[in-house]
Amino acid sequence: MGKGRAFSAEFKAKIALAAIRGDATAAELASKYQVHPTQISLWKKQAMSQLVEGFSGKPGRRRQDDDSTVEGLYAKIGRLEIENDFLKKVLSDS
């Protein structure tokens, strides 16, 4: 048995947003976009849960990644400054 059709994230978001807004019933959206009403309801629940997580105030993974990247860049700047100072000193002595 196959896995079925694959839908893009934009397509899912478009339908989930329409379902959340109440633009049409799940049956009407299913008919319009040729998907099963149950699938629309799953996408709606997924969108709602991710929306709640976005407003939860907890630091997300992206913020943690950004912090570690910034710390790494500052460390690299420090190493490059030390190397630069060393090379300046060596060149001025010769």
PDB file of N, CA and C in Angstrom:
ATOM      1  N   MET A   1       0.835  -1.168   0.000  1.00  0.00           N
ATOM      2  CA  MET A   1       0.000   0.000   0.000  1.00  0.00           C
ATOM      3  C   MET A   1       0.888   1.243   0.000  1.00  0.00           C
ATOM      4  N   GLY A   2       0.579   2.252  -0.817  1.00  0.00           N
ATOM      5  CA  GLY A   2       1.390   3.457  -0.929  1.00  0.00           C
ATOM      6  C   GLY A   2       1.196   4.414   0.222  1.00  0.00           C
ATOM      7  N   LYS A   3       2.056   5.400   0.259  1.00  0.00           N
ATOM      8  CA  LYS A   3       1.995   6.390   1.333  1.00  0.00           C
ATOM      9  C   LYS A   3       0.990   7.500   1.048  1.00  0.00           C
ATOM     10  N   GLY A   4       0.531   7.619  -0.163  1.00  0.00           N
ATOM     11  CA  GLY A   4      -0.408   8.686  -0.491  1.00  0.00           C
ATOM     12  C   GLY A   4       0.312   9.888  -1.074  1.00  0.00           C
ATOM     13  N   ARG A   5      -0.414  10.964  -1.213  1.00  0.00           N
ATOM     14  CA  ARG A   5       0.161  12.167  -1.802  1.00  0.00           C
ATOM     15  C   ARG A   5       0.949  12.938  -0.758  1.00  0.00           C
ATOM     16  N   ALA A   6       1.966  13.622  -1.244  1.00  0.00           N
ATOM     17  CA  ALA A   6       2.753  14.495  -0.371  1.00  0.00           C
ATOM     18  C   ALA A   6       2.301  15.934  -0.628  1.00  0.00           C
ATOM     19  N   PHE A   7       2.078  16.677   0.438  1.00  0.00           N
ATOM     20  CA  PHE A   7       1.630  18.057   0.312  1.00  0.00           C
ATOM     21  C   PHE A   7       2.707  18.988   0.841  1.00  0.00           C
ATOM     22  N   SER A   8       2.858  20.128   0.211  1.00  0.00           N
ATOM     23  CA  SER A   8       3.852  21.097   0.660  1.00  0.00           C
ATOM     24  C   SER A   8       3.386  21.760   1.952  1.00  0.00           C
ATOM     25  N   ALA A   9       4.332  22.303   2.665  1.00  0.00           N
ATOM     26  CA  ALA A   9       4.012  22.986   3.918  1.00  0.00           C
ATOM     27  C   ALA A   9       3.111  24.193   3.651  1.00  0.00           C
ATOM     28  N   GLU A  10       3.345  24.883   2.542  1.00  0.00           N
ATOM     29  CA  GLU A  10       2.516  26.046   2.212  1.00  0.00           C
ATOM     30  C   GLU A  10       1.068  25.647   1.956  1.00  0.00           C
ATOM     31  N   PHE A  11       0.894  24.525   1.274  1.00  0.00           N
ATOM     32  CA  PHE A  11      -0.446  24.032   0.980  1.00  0.00           C
ATOM     33  C   PHE A  11      -1.181  23.684   2.276  1.00  0.00           C
ATOM     34  N   LYS A  12      -0.474  22.972   3.162  1.00  0.00           N
ATOM     35  CA  LYS A  12      -1.072  22.592   4.443  1.00  0.00           C
ATOM     36  C   LYS A  12      -1.429  23.833   5.264  1.00  0.00           C
ATOM     37  N   ALA A  13      -0.519  24.795   5.289  1.00  0.00           N
ATOM     38  CA  ALA A  13      -0.750  26.013   6.066  1.00  0.00           C
ATOM     39  C   ALA A  13      -1.936  26.796   5.512  1.00  0.00           C
ATOM     40  N   LYS A  14      -2.040  26.854   4.206  1.00  0.00           N
ATOM     41  CA  LYS A  14      -3.145  27.575   3.559  1.00  0.00           C
ATOM     42  C   LYS A  14      -4.492  26.970   3.955  1.00  0.00           C
ATOM     43  N   ILE A  15      -4.579  25.652   3.904  1.00  0.00           N
ATOM     44  CA  ILE A  15      -5.832  24.971   4.239  1.00  0.00           C
ATOM     45  C   ILE A  15      -6.109  25.059   5.742  1.00  0.00           C
ATOM     46  N   ALA A  16      -5.071  24.873   6.556  1.00  0.00           N
ATOM     47  CA  ALA A  16      -5.247  24.948   8.012  1.00  0.00           C
ATOM     48  C   ALA A  16      -5.712  26.339   8.419  1.00  0.00           C
ATOM     49  N   LEU A  17      -5.137  27.356   7.810  1.00  0.00           N
ATOM     50  CA  LEU A  17      -5.538  28.725   8.127  1.00  0.00           C
ATOM     51  C   LEU A  17      -6.987  28.989   7.723  1.00  0.00           C
ATOM     52  N   ALA A  18      -7.379  28.480   6.571  1.00  0.00           N
ATOM     53  CA  ALA A  18      -8.768  28.632   6.137  1.00  0.00           C
ATOM     54  C   ALA A  18      -9.712  27.917   7.110  1.00  0.00           C
ATOM     55  N   ALA A  19      -9.299  26.750   7.599  1.00  0.00           N
ATOM     56  CA  ALA A  19     -10.124  26.007   8.558  1.00  0.00           C
ATOM     57  C   ALA A  19     -10.200  26.743   9.891  1.00  0.00           C
ATOM     58  N   ILE A  20      -9.092  27.314  10.330  1.00  0.00           N
ATOM     59  CA  ILE A  20      -9.076  28.058  11.593  1.00  0.00           C
ATOM     60  C   ILE A  20      -9.951  29.301  11.499  1.00  0.00           C
ATOM     61  N   ARG A  21      -9.840  30.000  10.383  1.00  0.00           N
ATOM     62  CA  ARG A  21     -10.643  31.212  10.184  1.00  0.00           C
ATOM     63  C   ARG A  21     -12.124  30.899  10.064  1.00  0.00           C
ATOM     64  N   GLY A  22     -12.452  29.694   9.631  1.00  0.00           N
ATOM     65  CA  GLY A  22     -13.850  29.332   9.435  1.00  0.00           C
ATOM     66  C   GLY A  22     -14.388  29.819   8.102  1.00  0.00           C
ATOM     67  N   ASP A  23     -13.494  29.996   7.134  1.00  0.00           N
ATOM     68  CA  ASP A  23     -13.904  30.433   5.795  1.00  0.00           C
ATOM     69  C   ASP A  23     -14.916  29.481   5.186  1.00  0.00           C
ATOM     70  N   ALA A  24     -14.741  28.204   5.478  1.00  0.00           N
ATOM     71  CA  ALA A  24     -15.641  27.181   4.962  1.00  0.00           C
ATOM     72  C   ALA A  24     -15.577  25.991   5.914  1.00  0.00           C
ATOM     73  N   THR A  25     -16.516  25.094   5.776  1.00  0.00           N
ATOM     74  CA  THR A  25     -16.495  23.889   6.609  1.00  0.00           C
ATOM     75  C   THR A  25     -15.378  22.965   6.128  1.00  0.00           C
ATOM     76  N   ALA A  26     -15.024  22.012   6.956  1.00  0.00           N
ATOM     77  CA  ALA A  26     -13.986  21.049   6.581  1.00  0.00           C
ATOM     78  C   ALA A  26     -14.401  20.285   5.327  1.00  0.00           C
ATOM     79  N   ALA A  27     -15.681  19.954   5.220  1.00  0.00           N
ATOM     80  CA  ALA A  27     -16.167  19.235   4.040  1.00  0.00           C
ATOM     81  C   ALA A  27     -16.039  20.091   2.785  1.00  0.00           C
ATOM     82  N   GLU A  28     -16.353  21.376   2.903  1.00  0.00           N
ATOM     83  CA  GLU A  28     -16.226  22.270   1.743  1.00  0.00           C
ATOM     84  C   GLU A  28     -14.770  22.439   1.339  1.00  0.00           C
ATOM     85  N   LEU A  29     -13.890  22.610   2.323  1.00  0.00           N
ATOM     86  CA  LEU A  29     -12.464  22.737   2.024  1.00  0.00           C
ATOM     87  C   LEU A  29     -11.926  21.445   1.412  1.00  0.00           C
ATOM     88  N   ALA A  30     -12.375  20.301   1.936  1.00  0.00           N
ATOM     89  CA  ALA A  30     -11.932  19.009   1.415  1.00  0.00           C
ATOM     90  C   ALA A  30     -12.335  18.843  -0.039  1.00  0.00           C
ATOM     91  N   SER A  31     -13.540  19.248  -0.346  1.00  0.00           N
ATOM     92  CA  SER A  31     -14.018  19.153  -1.721  1.00  0.00           C
ATOM     93  C   SER A  31     -13.236  20.099  -2.631  1.00  0.00           C
ATOM     94  N   LYS A  32     -13.005  21.294  -2.155  1.00  0.00           N
ATOM     95  CA  LYS A  32     -12.304  22.312  -2.958  1.00  0.00           C
ATOM     96  C   LYS A  32     -10.855  21.910  -3.242  1.00  0.00           C
ATOM     97  N   TYR A  33     -10.157  21.364  -2.242  1.00  0.00           N
ATOM     98  CA  TYR A  33      -8.728  21.064  -2.386  1.00  0.00           C
ATOM     99  C   TYR A  33      -8.430  19.579  -2.599  1.00  0.00           C
ATOM    100  N   GLN A  34      -9.471  18.757  -2.714  1.00  0.00           N
ATOM    101  CA  GLN A  34      -9.329  17.328  -2.984  1.00  0.00           C
ATOM    102  C   GLN A  34      -8.498  16.603  -1.914  1.00  0.00           C
ATOM    103  N   VAL A  35      -8.808  16.887  -0.655  1.00  0.00           N
ATOM    104  CA  VAL A  35      -8.186  16.177   0.456  1.00  0.00           C
ATOM    105  C   VAL A  35      -9.296  15.682   1.379  1.00  0.00           C
ATOM    106  N   HIS A  36      -8.973  14.771   2.263  1.00  0.00           N
ATOM    107  CA  HIS A  36      -9.973  14.206   3.162  1.00  0.00           C
ATOM    108  C   HIS A  36     -10.231  15.180   4.315  1.00  0.00           C
ATOM    109  N   PRO A  37     -11.476  15.319   4.750  1.00  0.00           N
ATOM    110  CA  PRO A  37     -11.793  16.224   5.859  1.00  0.00           C
ATOM    111  C   PRO A  37     -11.016  15.907   7.136  1.00  0.00           C
ATOM    112  N   THR A  38     -10.742  14.637   7.372  1.00  0.00           N
ATOM    113  CA  THR A  38      -9.958  14.267   8.550  1.00  0.00           C
ATOM    114  C   THR A  38      -8.553  14.853   8.470  1.00  0.00           C
ATOM    115  N   GLN A  39      -7.986  14.863   7.268  1.00  0.00           N
ATOM    116  CA  GLN A  39      -6.651  15.417   7.076  1.00  0.00           C
ATOM    117  C   GLN A  39      -6.650  16.915   7.384  1.00  0.00           C
ATOM    118  N   ILE A  40      -7.688  17.603   6.969  1.00  0.00           N
ATOM    119  CA  ILE A  40      -7.800  19.034   7.254  1.00  0.00           C
ATOM    120  C   ILE A  40      -7.869  19.264   8.752  1.00  0.00           C
ATOM    121  N   SER A  41      -8.620  18.447   9.423  1.00  0.00           N
ATOM    122  CA  SER A  41      -8.738  18.600  10.869  1.00  0.00           C
ATOM    123  C   SER A  41      -7.415  18.318  11.570  1.00  0.00           C
ATOM    124  N   LEU A  42      -6.629  17.362  11.081  1.00  0.00           N
ATOM    125  CA  LEU A  42      -5.305  17.100  11.651  1.00  0.00           C
ATOM    126  C   LEU A  42      -4.362  18.284  11.424  1.00  0.00           C
ATOM    127  N   TRP A  43      -4.376  18.851  10.209  1.00  0.00           N
ATOM    128  CA  TRP A  43      -3.532  20.011   9.911  1.00  0.00           C
ATOM    129  C   TRP A  43      -3.930  21.205  10.769  1.00  0.00           C
ATOM    130  N   LYS A  44      -5.241  21.359  10.993  1.00  0.00           N
ATOM    131  CA  LYS A  44      -5.727  22.462  11.833  1.00  0.00           C
ATOM    132  C   LYS A  44      -5.217  22.296  13.266  1.00  0.00           C
ATOM    133  N   LYS A  45      -5.321  21.088  13.817  1.00  0.00           N
ATOM    134  CA  LYS A  45      -4.835  20.830  15.175  1.00  0.00           C
ATOM    135  C   LYS A  45      -3.333  21.070  15.274  1.00  0.00           C
ATOM    136  N   GLN A  46      -2.593  20.616  14.260  1.00  0.00           N
ATOM    137  CA  GLN A  46      -1.146  20.808  14.246  1.00  0.00           C
ATOM    138  C   GLN A  46      -0.803  22.298  14.209  1.00  0.00           C
ATOM    139  N   ALA A  47      -1.492  23.058  13.378  1.00  0.00           N
ATOM    140  CA  ALA A  47      -1.244  24.501  13.284  1.00  0.00           C
ATOM    141  C   ALA A  47      -1.571  25.194  14.597  1.00  0.00           C
ATOM    142  N   MET A  48      -2.660  24.801  15.217  1.00  0.00           N
ATOM    143  CA  MET A  48      -3.052  25.414  16.485  1.00  0.00           C
ATOM    144  C   MET A  48      -2.031  25.116  17.582  1.00  0.00           C
ATOM    145  N   SER A  49      -1.536  23.886  17.644  1.00  0.00           N
ATOM    146  CA  SER A  49      -0.558  23.547  18.685  1.00  0.00           C
ATOM    147  C   SER A  49       0.758  24.285  18.461  1.00  0.00           C
ATOM    148  N   GLN A  50       1.163  24.438  17.217  1.00  0.00           N
ATOM    149  CA  GLN A  50       2.395  25.175  16.936  1.00  0.00           C
ATOM    150  C   GLN A  50       2.213  26.660  17.203  1.00  0.00           C
ATOM    151  N   LEU A  51       1.023  27.151  17.009  1.00  0.00           N
ATOM    152  CA  LEU A  51       0.732  28.546  17.303  1.00  0.00           C
ATOM    153  C   LEU A  51       0.826  28.800  18.796  1.00  0.00           C
ATOM    154  N   VAL A  52       0.300  27.896  19.584  1.00  0.00           N
ATOM    155  CA  VAL A  52       0.355  28.019  21.037  1.00  0.00           C
ATOM    156  C   VAL A  52       1.816  27.992  21.502  1.00  0.00           C
ATOM    157  N   GLU A  53       2.622  27.108  20.931  1.00  0.00           N
ATOM    158  CA  GLU A  53       4.034  27.030  21.293  1.00  0.00           C
ATOM    159  C   GLU A  53       4.755  28.337  20.967  1.00  0.00           C
ATOM    160  N   GLY A  54       4.349  28.989  19.892  1.00  0.00           N
ATOM    161  CA  GLY A  54       4.968  30.249  19.504  1.00  0.00           C
ATOM    162  C   GLY A  54       4.718  31.356  20.506  1.00  0.00           C
ATOM    163  N   PHE A  55       3.608  31.305  21.208  1.00  0.00           N
ATOM    164  CA  PHE A  55       3.264  32.327  22.194  1.00  0.00           C
ATOM    165  C   PHE A  55       3.521  31.877  23.634  1.00  0.00           C
ATOM    166  N   SER A  56       4.146  30.726  23.813  1.00  0.00           N
ATOM    167  CA  SER A  56       4.316  30.189  25.157  1.00  0.00           C
ATOM    168  C   SER A  56       5.357  30.937  25.976  1.00  0.00           C
ATOM    169  N   GLY A  57       6.229  31.697  25.347  1.00  0.00           N
ATOM    170  CA  GLY A  57       7.241  32.454  26.061  1.00  0.00           C
ATOM    171  C   GLY A  57       8.466  31.638  26.407  1.00  0.00           C
ATOM    172  N   LYS A  58       8.472  30.375  26.079  1.00  0.00           N
ATOM    173  CA  LYS A  58       9.632  29.535  26.334  1.00  0.00           C
ATOM    174  C   LYS A  58      10.642  29.766  25.218  1.00  0.00           C
ATOM    175  N   PRO A  59      11.928  29.825  25.574  1.00  0.00           N
ATOM    176  CA  PRO A  59      12.914  30.007  24.514  1.00  0.00           C
ATOM    177  C   PRO A  59      12.909  28.801  23.587  1.00  0.00           C
ATOM    178  N   GLY A  60      12.865  29.069  22.330  1.00  0.00           N
ATOM    179  CA  GLY A  60      12.796  27.997  21.358  1.00  0.00           C
ATOM    180  C   GLY A  60      14.160  27.519  20.922  1.00  0.00           C
ATOM    181  N   ARG A  61      14.164  26.510  20.130  1.00  0.00           N
ATOM    182  CA  ARG A  61      15.407  25.932  19.624  1.00  0.00           C
ATOM    183  C   ARG A  61      16.171  26.941  18.777  1.00  0.00           C
ATOM    184  N   ARG A  62      15.475  27.718  17.996  1.00  0.00           N
ATOM    185  CA  ARG A  62      16.138  28.675  17.123  1.00  0.00           C
ATOM    186  C   ARG A  62      16.929  29.688  17.942  1.00  0.00           C
ATOM    187  N   ARG A  63      16.358  30.173  19.036  1.00  0.00           N
ATOM    188  CA  ARG A  63      17.040  31.140  19.889  1.00  0.00           C
ATOM    189  C   ARG A  63      18.302  30.529  20.482  1.00  0.00           C
ATOM    190  N   GLN A  64      18.228  29.273  20.904  1.00  0.00           N
ATOM    191  CA  GLN A  64      19.390  28.604  21.466  1.00  0.00           C
ATOM    192  C   GLN A  64      20.471  28.446  20.403  1.00  0.00           C
ATOM    193  N   ASP A  65      20.075  28.110  19.176  1.00  0.00           N
ATOM    194  CA  ASP A  65      21.031  27.984  18.087  1.00  0.00           C
ATOM    195  C   ASP A  65      21.693  29.329  17.801  1.00  0.00           C
ATOM    196  N   ASP A  66      20.897  30.402  17.817  1.00  0.00           N
ATOM    197  CA  ASP A  66      21.443  31.735  17.576  1.00  0.00           C
ATOM    198  C   ASP A  66      22.453  32.108  18.651  1.00  0.00           C
ATOM    199  N   ASP A  67      22.146  31.795  19.913  1.00  0.00           N
ATOM    200  CA  ASP A  67      23.053  32.112  21.013  1.00  0.00           C
ATOM    201  C   ASP A  67      24.376  31.375  20.863  1.00  0.00           C
ATOM    202  N   SER A  68      24.318  30.100  20.521  1.00  0.00           N
ATOM    203  CA  SER A  68      25.556  29.330  20.384  1.00  0.00           C
ATOM    204  C   SER A  68      26.360  29.815  19.184  1.00  0.00           C
ATOM    205  N   THR A  69      25.695  30.244  18.122  1.00  0.00           N
ATOM    206  CA  THR A  69      26.387  30.779  16.957  1.00  0.00           C
ATOM    207  C   THR A  69      27.091  32.081  17.311  1.00  0.00           C
ATOM    208  N   VAL A  70      26.427  32.955  18.032  1.00  0.00           N
ATOM    209  CA  VAL A  70      27.016  34.231  18.432  1.00  0.00           C
ATOM    210  C   VAL A  70      28.227  33.999  19.324  1.00  0.00           C
ATOM    211  N   GLU A  71      28.096  33.086  20.287  1.00  0.00           N
ATOM    212  CA  GLU A  71      29.223  32.783  21.172  1.00  0.00           C
ATOM    213  C   GLU A  71      30.406  32.243  20.378  1.00  0.00           C
ATOM    214  N   GLY A  72      30.137  31.384  19.415  1.00  0.00           N
ATOM    215  CA  GLY A  72      31.204  30.842  18.568  1.00  0.00           C
ATOM    216  C   GLY A  72      31.878  31.926  17.752  1.00  0.00           C
ATOM    217  N   LEU A  73      31.083  32.863  17.248  1.00  0.00           N
ATOM    218  CA  LEU A  73      31.653  33.954  16.451  1.00  0.00           C
ATOM    219  C   LEU A  73      32.513  34.871  17.310  1.00  0.00           C
ATOM    220  N   TYR A  74      32.083  35.165  18.536  1.00  0.00           N
ATOM    221  CA  TYR A  74      32.889  35.986  19.436  1.00  0.00           C
ATOM    222  C   TYR A  74      34.211  35.286  19.764  1.00  0.00           C
ATOM    223  N   ALA A  75      34.172  33.985  19.959  1.00  0.00           N
ATOM    224  CA  ALA A  75      35.393  33.226  20.239  1.00  0.00           C
ATOM    225  C   ALA A  75      36.342  33.295  19.046  1.00  0.00           C
ATOM    226  N   LYS A  76      35.793  33.178  17.854  1.00  0.00           N
ATOM    227  CA  LYS A  76      36.621  33.238  16.648  1.00  0.00           C
ATOM    228  C   LYS A  76      37.229  34.631  16.484  1.00  0.00           C
ATOM    229  N   ILE A  77      36.454  35.669  16.761  1.00  0.00           N
ATOM    230  CA  ILE A  77      36.974  37.042  16.690  1.00  0.00           C
ATOM    231  C   ILE A  77      38.132  37.203  17.666  1.00  0.00           C
ATOM    232  N   GLY A  78      37.982  36.675  18.863  1.00  0.00           N
ATOM    233  CA  GLY A  78      39.048  36.754  19.860  1.00  0.00           C
ATOM    234  C   GLY A  78      40.321  36.081  19.375  1.00  0.00           C
ATOM    235  N   ARG A  79      40.192  34.881  18.803  1.00  0.00           N
ATOM    236  CA  ARG A  79      41.369  34.171  18.285  1.00  0.00           C
ATOM    237  C   ARG A  79      42.025  34.954  17.162  1.00  0.00           C
ATOM    238  N   LEU A  80      41.223  35.509  16.264  1.00  0.00           N
ATOM    239  CA  LEU A  80      41.774  36.272  15.143  1.00  0.00           C
ATOM    240  C   LEU A  80      42.465  37.538  15.619  1.00  0.00           C
ATOM    241  N   GLU A  81      41.934  38.197  16.646  1.00  0.00           N
ATOM    242  CA  GLU A  81      42.584  39.391  17.192  1.00  0.00           C
ATOM    243  C   GLU A  81      43.944  39.037  17.789  1.00  0.00           C
ATOM    244  N   ILE A  82      44.018  37.913  18.488  1.00  0.00           N
ATOM    245  CA  ILE A  82      45.286  37.477  19.081  1.00  0.00           C
ATOM    246  C   ILE A  82      46.299  37.172  17.970  1.00  0.00           C
ATOM    247  N   GLU A  83      45.858  36.441  16.929  1.00  0.00           N
ATOM    248  CA  GLU A  83      46.745  36.135  15.814  1.00  0.00           C
ATOM    249  C   GLU A  83      47.219  37.410  15.128  1.00  0.00           C
ATOM    250  N   ASN A  84      46.302  38.352  14.944  1.00  0.00           N
ATOM    251  CA  ASN A  84      46.630  39.615  14.294  1.00  0.00           C
ATOM    252  C   ASN A  84      47.670  40.385  15.107  1.00  0.00           C
ATOM    253  N   ASP A  85      47.467  40.477  16.423  1.00  0.00           N
ATOM    254  CA  ASP A  85      48.424  41.169  17.294  1.00  0.00           C
ATOM    255  C   ASP A  85      49.790  40.494  17.239  1.00  0.00           C
ATOM    256  N   PHE A  86      49.806  39.156  17.258  1.00  0.00           N
ATOM    257  CA  PHE A  86      51.054  38.411  17.196  1.00  0.00           C
ATOM    258  C   PHE A  86      51.785  38.708  15.887  1.00  0.00           C
ATOM    259  N   LEU A  87      51.060  38.664  14.782  1.00  0.00           N
ATOM    260  CA  LEU A  87      51.693  38.913  13.490  1.00  0.00           C
ATOM    261  C   LEU A  87      52.200  40.348  13.375  1.00  0.00           C
ATOM    262  N   LYS A  88      51.460  41.306  13.916  1.00  0.00           N
ATOM    263  CA  LYS A  88      51.922  42.696  13.910  1.00  0.00           C
ATOM    264  C   LYS A  88      53.249  42.820  14.676  1.00  0.00           C
ATOM    265  N   LYS A  89      53.309  42.157  15.831  1.00  0.00           N
ATOM    266  CA  LYS A  89      54.504  42.210  16.660  1.00  0.00           C
ATOM    267  C   LYS A  89      55.690  41.571  15.937  1.00  0.00           C
ATOM    268  N   VAL A  90      55.465  40.402  15.302  1.00  0.00           N
ATOM    269  CA  VAL A  90      56.531  39.703  14.593  1.00  0.00           C
ATOM    270  C   VAL A  90      57.022  40.540  13.414  1.00  0.00           C
ATOM    271  N   LEU A  91      56.124  41.146  12.680  1.00  0.00           N
ATOM    272  CA  LEU A  91      56.506  41.933  11.514  1.00  0.00           C
ATOM    273  C   LEU A  91      57.215  43.223  11.907  1.00  0.00           C
ATOM    274  N   SER A  92      56.823  43.815  13.008  1.00  0.00           N
ATOM    275  CA  SER A  92      57.472  45.067  13.423  1.00  0.00           C
ATOM    276  C   SER A  92      58.870  44.808  14.000  1.00  0.00           C
ATOM    277  N   ASP A  93      59.110  43.604  14.537  1.00  0.00           N
ATOM    278  CA  ASP A  93      60.423  43.252  15.078  1.00  0.00           C
ATOM    279  C   ASP A  93      61.410  42.933  13.983  1.00  0.00           C
ATOM    280  N   SER A  94      60.950  42.549  12.801  1.00  0.00           N
ATOM    281  CA  SER A  94      61.882  42.141  11.757  1.00  0.00           C
ATOM    282  C   SER A  94      62.328  43.260  10.856  1.00  0.00           C
TER     283      SER A  94
END
